[in-house]
Amino acid sequence: MPKVKVPRKSTAIDMTAMCDVAFLLLTFFILTTKFRPQEVVQIDIPSSTAQIPIPDKDILMIHISPDGKVFMGLDDQNTRLALLDKLEEAYSIKFSPKQRDAFRLTELWGMDIRQLPQFWIRILIPVQPLHNQG
């Protein structure tokens, strides 16, 4: 073994060249990459199962508000008058021609939700509670 030790010098690696190469490669790949063109998405629309189209008249719209009121509306004025006739029979009430005309022109009318079952039963529309939760 030699008697005199030669001091070792640490090897310093200059990282500047490696950073340059990394950024050159990154720039190369970014600039030469071709993105796929956007493809049209094919939508498989189910075919209609109804044989009879739903008519656009004689539609009953029911809206239940958060505060417990039920609003109903019929689109046809003659149907509204027929409903008013049923109400006259069920509740034994007679409406004046002015009241009948006002009801005929009213798009929506409402009541408290607790009064709804009595209303339907009186005008001979069957009401069955839903027992299918579970």
C-alpha atoms as a PDB file:
ATOM      1  CA  MET A   1       0.000   0.000   0.000  1.00  0.00           C
ATOM      2  CA  PRO A   2       1.214   3.383  -0.783  1.00  0.00           C
ATOM      3  CA  LYS A   3       2.247   5.507   2.082  1.00  0.00           C
ATOM      4  CA  VAL A   4       0.826   8.704   0.644  1.00  0.00           C
ATOM      5  CA  LYS A   5      -2.850   8.868  -0.065  1.00  0.00           C
ATOM      6  CA  VAL A   6      -3.908  10.896  -2.998  1.00  0.00           C
ATOM      7  CA  PRO A   7      -6.839  13.042  -1.977  1.00  0.00           C
ATOM      8  CA  ARG A   8      -9.929  12.310  -3.981  1.00  0.00           C
ATOM      9  CA  LYS A   9     -11.761  15.128  -5.595  1.00  0.00           C
ATOM     10  CA  SER A  10     -15.510  14.961  -5.807  1.00  0.00           C
ATOM     11  CA  THR A  11     -16.822  14.772  -9.265  1.00  0.00           C
ATOM     12  CA  ALA A  12     -19.292  17.549  -9.946  1.00  0.00           C
ATOM     13  CA  ILE A  13     -21.769  16.816 -12.673  1.00  0.00           C
ATOM     14  CA  ASP A  14     -23.149  19.781 -14.509  1.00  0.00           C
ATOM     15  CA  MET A  15     -26.925  19.247 -14.801  1.00  0.00           C
ATOM     16  CA  THR A  16     -27.473  22.107 -17.235  1.00  0.00           C
ATOM     17  CA  ALA A  17     -26.961  19.950 -20.280  1.00  0.00           C
ATOM     18  CA  MET A  18     -29.379  17.264 -18.970  1.00  0.00           C
ATOM     19  CA  CYS A  19     -32.083  19.876 -18.307  1.00  0.00           C
ATOM     20  CA  ASP A  20     -31.587  21.227 -21.812  1.00  0.00           C
ATOM     21  CA  VAL A  21     -31.979  17.769 -23.314  1.00  0.00           C
ATOM     22  CA  ALA A  22     -35.119  17.057 -21.212  1.00  0.00           C
ATOM     23  CA  PHE A  23     -36.785  20.296 -22.294  1.00  0.00           C
ATOM     24  CA  LEU A  24     -35.794  19.705 -25.923  1.00  0.00           C
ATOM     25  CA  LEU A  25     -37.408  16.246 -25.793  1.00  0.00           C
ATOM     26  CA  LEU A  26     -40.515  17.637 -24.100  1.00  0.00           C
ATOM     27  CA  THR A  27     -40.822  20.399 -26.706  1.00  0.00           C
ATOM     28  CA  PHE A  28     -40.312  17.880 -29.506  1.00  0.00           C
ATOM     29  CA  PHE A  29     -43.071  15.588 -28.264  1.00  0.00           C
ATOM     30  CA  ILE A  30     -45.497  18.451 -27.628  1.00  0.00           C
ATOM     31  CA  LEU A  31     -44.972  19.951 -31.082  1.00  0.00           C
ATOM     32  CA  THR A  32     -45.061  16.687 -33.046  1.00  0.00           C
ATOM     33  CA  THR A  33     -48.010  15.040 -31.288  1.00  0.00           C
ATOM     34  CA  LYS A  34     -51.159  14.783 -33.362  1.00  0.00           C
ATOM     35  CA  PHE A  35     -54.342  14.567 -31.371  1.00  0.00           C
ATOM     36  CA  ARG A  36     -57.129  12.267 -32.444  1.00  0.00           C
ATOM     37  CA  PRO A  37     -59.888  14.080 -34.293  1.00  0.00           C
ATOM     38  CA  GLN A  38     -63.170  14.311 -32.415  1.00  0.00           C
ATOM     39  CA  GLU A  39     -65.455  11.451 -33.257  1.00  0.00           C
ATOM     40  CA  VAL A  40     -69.195  11.689 -33.611  1.00  0.00           C
ATOM     41  CA  VAL A  41     -70.855   9.848 -30.755  1.00  0.00           C
ATOM     42  CA  GLN A  42     -73.376   7.299 -31.946  1.00  0.00           C
ATOM     43  CA  ILE A  43     -76.535   7.417 -29.828  1.00  0.00           C
ATOM     44  CA  ASP A  44     -78.724   4.374 -29.769  1.00  0.00           C
ATOM     45  CA  ILE A  45     -82.224   5.808 -29.343  1.00  0.00           C
ATOM     46  CA  PRO A  46     -84.791   3.261 -28.187  1.00  0.00           C
ATOM     47  CA  SER A  47     -87.721   2.723 -30.441  1.00  0.00           C
ATOM     48  CA  SER A  48     -91.147   3.859 -29.337  1.00  0.00           C
ATOM     49  CA  THR A  49     -93.248   1.213 -27.647  1.00  0.00           C
ATOM     50  CA  ALA A  50     -96.556   3.077 -27.814  1.00  0.00           C
ATOM     51  CA  GLN A  51     -98.743   2.046 -30.710  1.00  0.00           C
ATOM     52  CA  ILE A  52    -101.266   4.817 -30.142  1.00  0.00           C
ATOM     53  CA  PRO A  53     -99.956   8.391 -30.030  1.00  0.00           C
ATOM     54  CA  ILE A  54    -100.977  10.452 -27.010  1.00  0.00           C
ATOM     55  CA  PRO A  55    -103.461  13.180 -27.969  1.00  0.00           C
ATOM     56  CA  ASP A  56    -102.554  16.822 -27.467  1.00  0.00           C
ATOM     57  CA  LYS A  57    -105.952  17.760 -26.055  1.00  0.00           C
ATOM     58  CA  ASP A  58    -107.942  16.932 -22.928  1.00  0.00           C
ATOM     59  CA  ILE A  59    -104.831  16.960 -20.757  1.00  0.00           C
ATOM     60  CA  LEU A  60    -105.145  17.316 -16.977  1.00  0.00           C
ATOM     61  CA  MET A  61    -102.140  19.019 -15.390  1.00  0.00           C
ATOM     62  CA  ILE A  62    -101.586  18.541 -11.642  1.00  0.00           C
ATOM     63  CA  HIS A  63     -99.013  20.610  -9.725  1.00  0.00           C
ATOM     64  CA  ILE A  64     -98.306  20.065  -6.008  1.00  0.00           C
ATOM     65  CA  SER A  65     -96.626  23.040  -4.321  1.00  0.00           C
ATOM     66  CA  PRO A  66     -94.165  22.700  -1.415  1.00  0.00           C
ATOM     67  CA  ASP A  67     -96.658  24.243   1.013  1.00  0.00           C
ATOM     68  CA  GLY A  68     -99.241  21.469   0.431  1.00  0.00           C
ATOM     69  CA  LYS A  69    -101.534  23.007  -2.160  1.00  0.00           C
ATOM     70  CA  VAL A  70    -102.671  21.143  -5.253  1.00  0.00           C
ATOM     71  CA  PHE A  71    -103.221  23.069  -8.465  1.00  0.00           C
ATOM     72  CA  MET A  72    -105.071  21.487 -11.363  1.00  0.00           C
ATOM     73  CA  GLY A  73    -105.669  22.669 -14.872  1.00  0.00           C
ATOM     74  CA  LEU A  74    -107.458  21.469 -17.977  1.00  0.00           C
ATOM     75  CA  ASP A  75    -106.515  22.695 -21.416  1.00  0.00           C
ATOM     76  CA  ASP A  76    -109.968  22.529 -23.033  1.00  0.00           C
ATOM     77  CA  GLN A  77    -112.638  25.033 -21.972  1.00  0.00           C
ATOM     78  CA  ASN A  78    -115.497  22.632 -22.768  1.00  0.00           C
ATOM     79  CA  THR A  79    -113.895  19.980 -20.541  1.00  0.00           C
ATOM     80  CA  ARG A  80    -113.690  22.553 -17.749  1.00  0.00           C
ATOM     81  CA  LEU A  81    -117.410  23.223 -18.099  1.00  0.00           C
ATOM     82  CA  ALA A  82    -118.143  19.481 -18.009  1.00  0.00           C
ATOM     83  CA  LEU A  83    -116.087  19.240 -14.794  1.00  0.00           C
ATOM     84  CA  LEU A  84    -118.041  22.163 -13.359  1.00  0.00           C
ATOM     85  CA  ASP A  85    -121.287  20.329 -14.189  1.00  0.00           C
ATOM     86  CA  LYS A  86    -120.029  17.289 -12.257  1.00  0.00           C
ATOM     87  CA  LEU A  87    -119.107  19.537  -9.339  1.00  0.00           C
ATOM     88  CA  GLU A  88    -122.611  21.019  -9.370  1.00  0.00           C
ATOM     89  CA  GLU A  89    -124.102  17.512  -9.210  1.00  0.00           C
ATOM     90  CA  ALA A  90    -121.714  16.209  -6.550  1.00  0.00           C
ATOM     91  CA  TYR A  91    -121.888  19.176  -4.193  1.00  0.00           C
ATOM     92  CA  SER A  92    -125.465  20.306  -4.990  1.00  0.00           C
ATOM     93  CA  ILE A  93    -124.260  23.785  -5.900  1.00  0.00           C
ATOM     94  CA  LYS A  94    -125.652  26.066  -8.580  1.00  0.00           C
ATOM     95  CA  PHE A  95    -123.164  28.380 -10.302  1.00  0.00           C
ATOM     96  CA  SER A  96    -124.244  31.585 -11.995  1.00  0.00           C
ATOM     97  CA  PRO A  97    -123.454  32.124 -15.689  1.00  0.00           C
ATOM     98  CA  LYS A  98    -120.808  34.669 -14.677  1.00  0.00           C
ATOM     99  CA  GLN A  99    -119.140  32.121 -12.358  1.00  0.00           C
ATOM    100  CA  ARG A 100    -119.338  29.440 -15.056  1.00  0.00           C
ATOM    101  CA  ASP A 101    -117.689  31.776 -17.557  1.00  0.00           C
ATOM    102  CA  ALA A 102    -114.961  32.715 -15.050  1.00  0.00           C
ATOM    103  CA  PHE A 103    -114.240  29.009 -14.361  1.00  0.00           C
ATOM    104  CA  ARG A 104    -114.215  28.269 -18.100  1.00  0.00           C
ATOM    105  CA  LEU A 105    -111.499  30.915 -18.597  1.00  0.00           C
ATOM    106  CA  THR A 106    -109.422  29.845 -15.555  1.00  0.00           C
ATOM    107  CA  GLU A 107    -106.331  27.884 -16.560  1.00  0.00           C
ATOM    108  CA  LEU A 108    -105.383  26.638 -13.056  1.00  0.00           C
ATOM    109  CA  TRP A 109    -107.314  26.269  -9.834  1.00  0.00           C
ATOM    110  CA  GLY A 110    -106.172  24.923  -6.511  1.00  0.00           C
ATOM    111  CA  MET A 111    -107.057  23.603  -3.075  1.00  0.00           C
ATOM    112  CA  ASP A 112    -105.387  22.340   0.068  1.00  0.00           C
ATOM    113  CA  ILE A 113    -104.041  18.804  -0.337  1.00  0.00           C
ATOM    114  CA  ARG A 114    -106.076  17.533   2.642  1.00  0.00           C
ATOM    115  CA  GLN A 115    -109.294  18.411   0.781  1.00  0.00           C
ATOM    116  CA  LEU A 116    -108.284  16.535  -2.363  1.00  0.00           C
ATOM    117  CA  PRO A 117    -109.609  13.017  -1.494  1.00  0.00           C
ATOM    118  CA  GLN A 118    -113.070  14.348  -0.655  1.00  0.00           C
ATOM    119  CA  PHE A 119    -113.065  16.364  -3.872  1.00  0.00           C
ATOM    120  CA  TRP A 120    -112.226  13.318  -6.023  1.00  0.00           C
ATOM    121  CA  ILE A 121    -114.674  11.014  -4.242  1.00  0.00           C
ATOM    122  CA  ARG A 122    -117.508  13.518  -4.595  1.00  0.00           C
ATOM    123  CA  ILE A 123    -117.120  13.840  -8.355  1.00  0.00           C
ATOM    124  CA  LEU A 124    -116.976  10.043  -8.730  1.00  0.00           C
ATOM    125  CA  ILE A 125    -113.315   9.643  -9.615  1.00  0.00           C
ATOM    126  CA  PRO A 126    -111.889   6.608  -7.800  1.00  0.00           C
ATOM    127  CA  VAL A 127    -109.010   7.262  -5.436  1.00  0.00           C
ATOM    128  CA  GLN A 128    -106.713   4.427  -4.350  1.00  0.00           C
ATOM    129  CA  PRO A 129    -103.780   5.101  -2.042  1.00  0.00           C
ATOM    130  CA  LEU A 130    -100.365   3.933  -3.146  1.00  0.00           C
ATOM    131  CA  HIS A 131     -99.179   0.977  -1.035  1.00  0.00           C
ATOM    132  CA  ASN A 132     -96.186   0.028  -3.145  1.00  0.00           C
ATOM    133  CA  GLN A 133     -93.438   1.479  -0.955  1.00  0.00           C
ATOM    134  CA  GLY A 134     -91.368  -1.344   0.234  1.00  0.00           C
END
